[in-house]
């Protein structure tokens, strides 16, 4: 799914949720400049997806047109297809990495992270009859998936075959942090 389609969907979603949303709020939601948001809104108006009507106190109301609703549905469908494809790809990559570990006799895995990728890693471990030793993170959380989350310094007391970094964005920083904690490089797995 193209980035522009993702932004269009986000804008159409926000307008459908709150017709009096400000462009400043839209800009913050999209993570782009206010001027760029204005251009996006104008483009959606030109395409007939949104209608703008002034309301008192110098505000605008954005109304989703029938054509805009149809486009929102189409983009939502594309986004779901993209997300499911991405999910399957990541799941397959996880299973391949874990299968490599299993071939060498490794079964006990620590997962670094508490996000969606950590959830996928946990499910992949379960599917492959491997053992989760625990979750660790840079900061201690109370609980993740009904398991306590520990800080990295607890790893010294654990027996495990691999530490899986369940983070695609900060992977290199996490890898360096884990090495500083004394985890052998051979035990660190990343996607």
C-alpha atoms as a PDB file:
ATOM      1  CA  UNK A   1       0.000   0.000   0.000  1.00  0.00           C
ATOM      2  CA  UNK A   2       1.405   3.355  -1.021  1.00  0.00           C
ATOM      3  CA  UNK A   3       2.230   5.973   1.599  1.00  0.00           C
ATOM      4  CA  UNK A   4      -0.190   8.415  -0.043  1.00  0.00           C
ATOM      5  CA  UNK A   5      -3.008   5.857   0.223  1.00  0.00           C
ATOM      6  CA  UNK A   6      -2.184   5.379   3.916  1.00  0.00           C
ATOM      7  CA  UNK A   7      -2.342   9.136   4.486  1.00  0.00           C
ATOM      8  CA  UNK A   8      -5.611   9.422   2.583  1.00  0.00           C
ATOM      9  CA  UNK A   9      -7.085   6.636   4.690  1.00  0.00           C
ATOM     10  CA  UNK A  10      -5.902   8.275   7.915  1.00  0.00           C
ATOM     11  CA  UNK A  11      -7.433  11.606   6.844  1.00  0.00           C
ATOM     12  CA  UNK A  12     -10.716  10.022   5.801  1.00  0.00           C
ATOM     13  CA  UNK A  13     -10.836   8.063   9.071  1.00  0.00           C
ATOM     14  CA  UNK A  14     -10.217  11.189  11.147  1.00  0.00           C
ATOM     15  CA  UNK A  15     -12.864  13.162   9.251  1.00  0.00           C
ATOM     16  CA  UNK A  16     -15.379  10.315   9.614  1.00  0.00           C
ATOM     17  CA  UNK A  17     -14.629  10.154  13.347  1.00  0.00           C
ATOM     18  CA  UNK A  18     -14.837  13.916  13.963  1.00  0.00           C
ATOM     19  CA  UNK A  19     -16.149  16.284  11.292  1.00  0.00           C
ATOM     20  CA  UNK A  20     -14.880  19.323  13.211  1.00  0.00           C
ATOM     21  CA  UNK A  21     -11.303  18.077  13.534  1.00  0.00           C
ATOM     22  CA  UNK A  22      -8.752  20.834  13.008  1.00  0.00           C
ATOM     23  CA  UNK A  23      -6.046  20.693  10.371  1.00  0.00           C
ATOM     24  CA  UNK A  24      -3.534  21.072  13.193  1.00  0.00           C
ATOM     25  CA  UNK A  25      -4.869  17.834  14.720  1.00  0.00           C
ATOM     26  CA  UNK A  26      -4.806  16.145  11.330  1.00  0.00           C
ATOM     27  CA  UNK A  27      -1.199  17.238  10.828  1.00  0.00           C
ATOM     28  CA  UNK A  28      -0.232  15.804  14.208  1.00  0.00           C
ATOM     29  CA  UNK A  29      -2.025  12.527  13.460  1.00  0.00           C
ATOM     30  CA  UNK A  30      -0.277  12.211  10.085  1.00  0.00           C
ATOM     31  CA  UNK A  31       3.081  13.343  11.410  1.00  0.00           C
ATOM     32  CA  UNK A  32       3.469  15.983   8.699  1.00  0.00           C
ATOM     33  CA  UNK A  33       3.576  19.777   8.551  1.00  0.00           C
ATOM     34  CA  UNK A  34       0.389  21.810   8.747  1.00  0.00           C
ATOM     35  CA  UNK A  35       0.898  23.219   5.231  1.00  0.00           C
ATOM     36  CA  UNK A  36       1.242  19.721   3.788  1.00  0.00           C
ATOM     37  CA  UNK A  37      -1.931  18.650   5.594  1.00  0.00           C
ATOM     38  CA  UNK A  38      -3.736  21.581   4.000  1.00  0.00           C
ATOM     39  CA  UNK A  39      -2.605  20.353   0.563  1.00  0.00           C
ATOM     40  CA  UNK A  40      -3.803  16.804   1.354  1.00  0.00           C
ATOM     41  CA  UNK A  41      -7.210  18.078   2.447  1.00  0.00           C
ATOM     42  CA  UNK A  42      -7.541  20.232  -0.682  1.00  0.00           C
ATOM     43  CA  UNK A  43      -6.625  17.238  -2.846  1.00  0.00           C
ATOM     44  CA  UNK A  44      -9.338  15.130  -1.180  1.00  0.00           C
ATOM     45  CA  UNK A  45     -11.816  17.961  -1.730  1.00  0.00           C
ATOM     46  CA  UNK A  46     -10.845  18.158  -5.442  1.00  0.00           C
ATOM     47  CA  UNK A  47     -11.372  14.415  -5.767  1.00  0.00           C
ATOM     48  CA  UNK A  48     -14.836  14.792  -4.251  1.00  0.00           C
ATOM     49  CA  UNK A  49     -14.139  12.706  -1.131  1.00  0.00           C
ATOM     50  CA  UNK A  50     -14.615  15.537   1.370  1.00  0.00           C
ATOM     51  CA  UNK A  51     -16.838  18.587   1.407  1.00  0.00           C
ATOM     52  CA  UNK A  52     -15.872  21.591   3.527  1.00  0.00           C
ATOM     53  CA  UNK A  53     -18.479  23.824   5.129  1.00  0.00           C
ATOM     54  CA  UNK A  54     -17.741  26.806   7.361  1.00  0.00           C
ATOM     55  CA  UNK A  55     -19.163  26.800  10.885  1.00  0.00           C
ATOM     56  CA  UNK A  56     -19.244  29.675  13.415  1.00  0.00           C
ATOM     57  CA  UNK A  57     -16.099  30.970  15.107  1.00  0.00           C
ATOM     58  CA  UNK A  58     -13.879  30.602  12.021  1.00  0.00           C
ATOM     59  CA  UNK A  59     -13.925  26.811  12.033  1.00  0.00           C
ATOM     60  CA  UNK A  60     -14.550  24.309   9.277  1.00  0.00           C
ATOM     61  CA  UNK A  61     -16.566  21.139   9.166  1.00  0.00           C
ATOM     62  CA  UNK A  62     -15.340  18.333   6.952  1.00  0.00           C
ATOM     63  CA  UNK A  63     -18.049  16.067   5.612  1.00  0.00           C
ATOM     64  CA  UNK A  64     -17.310  12.724   4.042  1.00  0.00           C
ATOM     65  CA  UNK A  65     -19.164  12.474   0.733  1.00  0.00           C
ATOM     66  CA  UNK A  66     -20.656   9.197  -0.548  1.00  0.00           C
ATOM     67  CA  UNK A  67     -17.686   9.029  -2.897  1.00  0.00           C
ATOM     68  CA  UNK A  68     -15.379   9.604   0.090  1.00  0.00           C
ATOM     69  CA  UNK A  69     -17.056   6.773   2.006  1.00  0.00           C
ATOM     70  CA  UNK A  70     -16.526   4.448  -0.938  1.00  0.00           C
ATOM     71  CA  UNK A  71     -12.851   5.470  -1.153  1.00  0.00           C
ATOM     72  CA  UNK A  72     -12.432   4.976   2.592  1.00  0.00           C
ATOM     73  CA  UNK A  73     -13.873   1.456   2.258  1.00  0.00           C
ATOM     74  CA  UNK A  74     -11.582   0.678  -0.680  1.00  0.00           C
ATOM     75  CA  UNK A  75      -8.501   1.963   1.144  1.00  0.00           C
ATOM     76  CA  UNK A  76      -9.472   0.086   4.322  1.00  0.00           C
ATOM     77  CA  UNK A  77      -9.697  -3.137   2.302  1.00  0.00           C
ATOM     78  CA  UNK A  78      -6.266  -2.471   0.737  1.00  0.00           C
ATOM     79  CA  UNK A  79      -4.797  -1.688   4.138  1.00  0.00           C
ATOM     80  CA  UNK A  80      -6.158  -4.926   5.592  1.00  0.00           C
ATOM     81  CA  UNK A  81      -4.702  -6.900   2.681  1.00  0.00           C
ATOM     82  CA  UNK A  82      -1.348  -5.176   3.151  1.00  0.00           C
ATOM     83  CA  UNK A  83      -1.387  -5.736   6.915  1.00  0.00           C
ATOM     84  CA  UNK A  84      -2.246  -9.428   6.609  1.00  0.00           C
ATOM     85  CA  UNK A  85       0.450  -9.925   3.992  1.00  0.00           C
ATOM     86  CA  UNK A  86       2.975  -8.142   6.214  1.00  0.00           C
ATOM     87  CA  UNK A  87       1.872 -10.231   9.205  1.00  0.00           C
ATOM     88  CA  UNK A  88       2.318 -13.472   7.234  1.00  0.00           C
ATOM     89  CA  UNK A  89       5.745 -12.383   6.001  1.00  0.00           C
ATOM     90  CA  UNK A  90       6.994 -11.502   9.490  1.00  0.00           C
ATOM     91  CA  UNK A  91       5.523 -14.708  10.909  1.00  0.00           C
ATOM     92  CA  UNK A  92       7.281 -16.786   8.240  1.00  0.00           C
ATOM     93  CA  UNK A  93      10.585 -14.991   8.910  1.00  0.00           C
ATOM     94  CA  UNK A  94      10.194 -15.647  12.628  1.00  0.00           C
ATOM     95  CA  UNK A  95       9.477 -19.315  12.051  1.00  0.00           C
ATOM     96  CA  UNK A  96      12.526 -19.657   9.781  1.00  0.00           C
ATOM     97  CA  UNK A  97      14.795 -18.068  12.401  1.00  0.00           C
ATOM     98  CA  UNK A  98      13.345 -20.281  15.131  1.00  0.00           C
ATOM     99  CA  UNK A  99      13.608 -23.383  12.918  1.00  0.00           C
ATOM    100  CA  UNK A 100      17.331 -22.637  12.458  1.00  0.00           C
ATOM    101  CA  UNK A 101      17.692 -22.465  16.241  1.00  0.00           C
ATOM    102  CA  UNK A 102      15.734 -25.679  16.704  1.00  0.00           C
ATOM    103  CA  UNK A 103      17.987 -27.524  14.221  1.00  0.00           C
ATOM    104  CA  UNK A 104      20.968 -26.781  16.452  1.00  0.00           C
ATOM    105  CA  UNK A 105      19.122 -28.096  19.518  1.00  0.00           C
ATOM    106  CA  UNK A 106      18.008 -24.720  20.864  1.00  0.00           C
ATOM    107  CA  UNK A 107      14.584 -24.640  22.505  1.00  0.00           C
ATOM    108  CA  UNK A 108      14.690 -21.993  25.249  1.00  0.00           C
ATOM    109  CA  UNK A 109      14.151 -18.419  24.041  1.00  0.00           C
ATOM    110  CA  UNK A 110      14.033 -15.007  25.691  1.00  0.00           C
ATOM    111  CA  UNK A 111      12.096 -12.333  23.803  1.00  0.00           C
ATOM    112  CA  UNK A 112      13.305  -8.734  23.979  1.00  0.00           C
ATOM    113  CA  UNK A 113      10.373  -6.362  23.537  1.00  0.00           C
ATOM    114  CA  UNK A 114       6.743  -5.912  24.432  1.00  0.00           C
ATOM    115  CA  UNK A 115       5.139  -4.810  21.186  1.00  0.00           C
ATOM    116  CA  UNK A 116       3.195  -6.468  18.408  1.00  0.00           C
ATOM    117  CA  UNK A 117       6.279  -8.212  17.054  1.00  0.00           C
ATOM    118  CA  UNK A 118       6.888  -9.709  20.504  1.00  0.00           C
ATOM    119  CA  UNK A 119       3.334 -11.070  20.404  1.00  0.00           C
ATOM    120  CA  UNK A 120       4.030 -12.673  17.023  1.00  0.00           C
ATOM    121  CA  UNK A 121       7.296 -14.107  18.323  1.00  0.00           C
ATOM    122  CA  UNK A 122       5.480 -15.577  21.319  1.00  0.00           C
ATOM    123  CA  UNK A 123       2.877 -17.223  19.055  1.00  0.00           C
ATOM    124  CA  UNK A 124       5.596 -18.586  16.759  1.00  0.00           C
ATOM    125  CA  UNK A 125       7.400 -20.077  19.771  1.00  0.00           C
ATOM    126  CA  UNK A 126       4.218 -21.785  20.888  1.00  0.00           C
ATOM    127  CA  UNK A 127       3.507 -23.152  17.407  1.00  0.00           C
ATOM    128  CA  UNK A 128       7.004 -24.630  17.244  1.00  0.00           C
ATOM    129  CA  UNK A 129       6.865 -26.196  20.737  1.00  0.00           C
ATOM    130  CA  UNK A 130       9.700 -24.045  21.981  1.00  0.00           C
ATOM    131  CA  UNK A 131       9.956 -22.631  25.503  1.00  0.00           C
ATOM    132  CA  UNK A 132       9.625 -18.988  26.399  1.00  0.00           C
ATOM    133  CA  UNK A 133      12.060 -18.274  29.216  1.00  0.00           C
ATOM    134  CA  UNK A 134      10.697 -14.753  29.649  1.00  0.00           C
ATOM    135  CA  UNK A 135      10.305 -11.261  28.296  1.00  0.00           C
ATOM    136  CA  UNK A 136      12.921  -8.574  28.813  1.00  0.00           C
ATOM    137  CA  UNK A 137      12.899  -4.944  27.844  1.00  0.00           C
ATOM    138  CA  UNK A 138      14.960  -1.825  28.365  1.00  0.00           C
ATOM    139  CA  UNK A 139      12.509  -0.809  31.049  1.00  0.00           C
ATOM    140  CA  UNK A 140      10.540  -2.989  33.419  1.00  0.00           C
ATOM    141  CA  UNK A 141       6.845  -3.286  32.704  1.00  0.00           C
ATOM    142  CA  UNK A 142       4.412  -4.933  35.014  1.00  0.00           C
ATOM    143  CA  UNK A 143       3.088  -7.687  32.738  1.00  0.00           C
ATOM    144  CA  UNK A 144       3.027  -8.574  29.039  1.00  0.00           C
ATOM    145  CA  UNK A 145       0.838 -11.431  27.766  1.00  0.00           C
ATOM    146  CA  UNK A 146       0.398 -12.525  31.408  1.00  0.00           C
ATOM    147  CA  UNK A 147       4.184 -12.786  31.910  1.00  0.00           C
ATOM    148  CA  UNK A 148       6.297 -10.461  34.030  1.00  0.00           C
ATOM    149  CA  UNK A 149       8.697  -8.309  32.025  1.00  0.00           C
ATOM    150  CA  UNK A 150      12.234  -8.112  33.356  1.00  0.00           C
ATOM    151  CA  UNK A 151      15.114  -5.748  32.810  1.00  0.00           C
ATOM    152  CA  UNK A 152      18.195  -6.884  30.906  1.00  0.00           C
ATOM    153  CA  UNK A 153      20.336  -7.363  34.008  1.00  0.00           C
ATOM    154  CA  UNK A 154      18.216 -10.379  35.025  1.00  0.00           C
ATOM    155  CA  UNK A 155      19.528 -12.334  32.008  1.00  0.00           C
ATOM    156  CA  UNK A 156      22.670 -13.261  33.931  1.00  0.00           C
ATOM    157  CA  UNK A 157      20.538 -15.572  36.101  1.00  0.00           C
ATOM    158  CA  UNK A 158      18.625 -17.270  33.276  1.00  0.00           C
ATOM    159  CA  UNK A 159      19.400 -20.310  31.164  1.00  0.00           C
ATOM    160  CA  UNK A 160      18.448 -19.762  27.537  1.00  0.00           C
ATOM    161  CA  UNK A 161      19.578 -20.714  24.053  1.00  0.00           C
ATOM    162  CA  UNK A 162      18.714 -17.477  22.270  1.00  0.00           C
ATOM    163  CA  UNK A 163      17.541 -13.951  22.829  1.00  0.00           C
ATOM    164  CA  UNK A 164      15.193 -12.818  20.059  1.00  0.00           C
ATOM    165  CA  UNK A 165      15.020  -9.076  19.429  1.00  0.00           C
ATOM    166  CA  UNK A 166      11.356  -8.413  18.684  1.00  0.00           C
ATOM    167  CA  UNK A 167      11.770  -4.898  17.352  1.00  0.00           C
ATOM    168  CA  UNK A 168      12.354  -3.863  13.745  1.00  0.00           C
ATOM    169  CA  UNK A 169      12.871  -0.147  14.297  1.00  0.00           C
ATOM    170  CA  UNK A 170      15.430   0.004  17.127  1.00  0.00           C
ATOM    171  CA  UNK A 171      17.068  -3.368  16.435  1.00  0.00           C
ATOM    172  CA  UNK A 172      20.650  -2.084  16.131  1.00  0.00           C
ATOM    173  CA  UNK A 173      20.467  -0.009  19.324  1.00  0.00           C
ATOM    174  CA  UNK A 174      18.926  -2.910  21.207  1.00  0.00           C
ATOM    175  CA  UNK A 175      21.573  -5.281  19.847  1.00  0.00           C
ATOM    176  CA  UNK A 176      24.335  -2.976  21.164  1.00  0.00           C
ATOM    177  CA  UNK A 177      22.599  -2.640  24.539  1.00  0.00           C
ATOM    178  CA  UNK A 178      22.288  -6.432  24.847  1.00  0.00           C
ATOM    179  CA  UNK A 179      25.963  -6.914  24.011  1.00  0.00           C
ATOM    180  CA  UNK A 180      26.902  -4.379  26.722  1.00  0.00           C
ATOM    181  CA  UNK A 181      24.948  -6.523  29.206  1.00  0.00           C
ATOM    182  CA  UNK A 182      27.253  -9.430  28.412  1.00  0.00           C
ATOM    183  CA  UNK A 183      24.961 -11.564  26.265  1.00  0.00           C
ATOM    184  CA  UNK A 184      27.091 -13.640  23.868  1.00  0.00           C
ATOM    185  CA  UNK A 185      26.763 -12.468  20.271  1.00  0.00           C
ATOM    186  CA  UNK A 186      26.009 -16.062  19.174  1.00  0.00           C
ATOM    187  CA  UNK A 187      22.836 -16.072  21.318  1.00  0.00           C
ATOM    188  CA  UNK A 188      21.338 -12.902  19.829  1.00  0.00           C
ATOM    189  CA  UNK A 189      18.738 -13.315  17.088  1.00  0.00           C
ATOM    190  CA  UNK A 190      17.150 -10.521  15.064  1.00  0.00           C
ATOM    191  CA  UNK A 191      14.893 -10.462  12.038  1.00  0.00           C
END
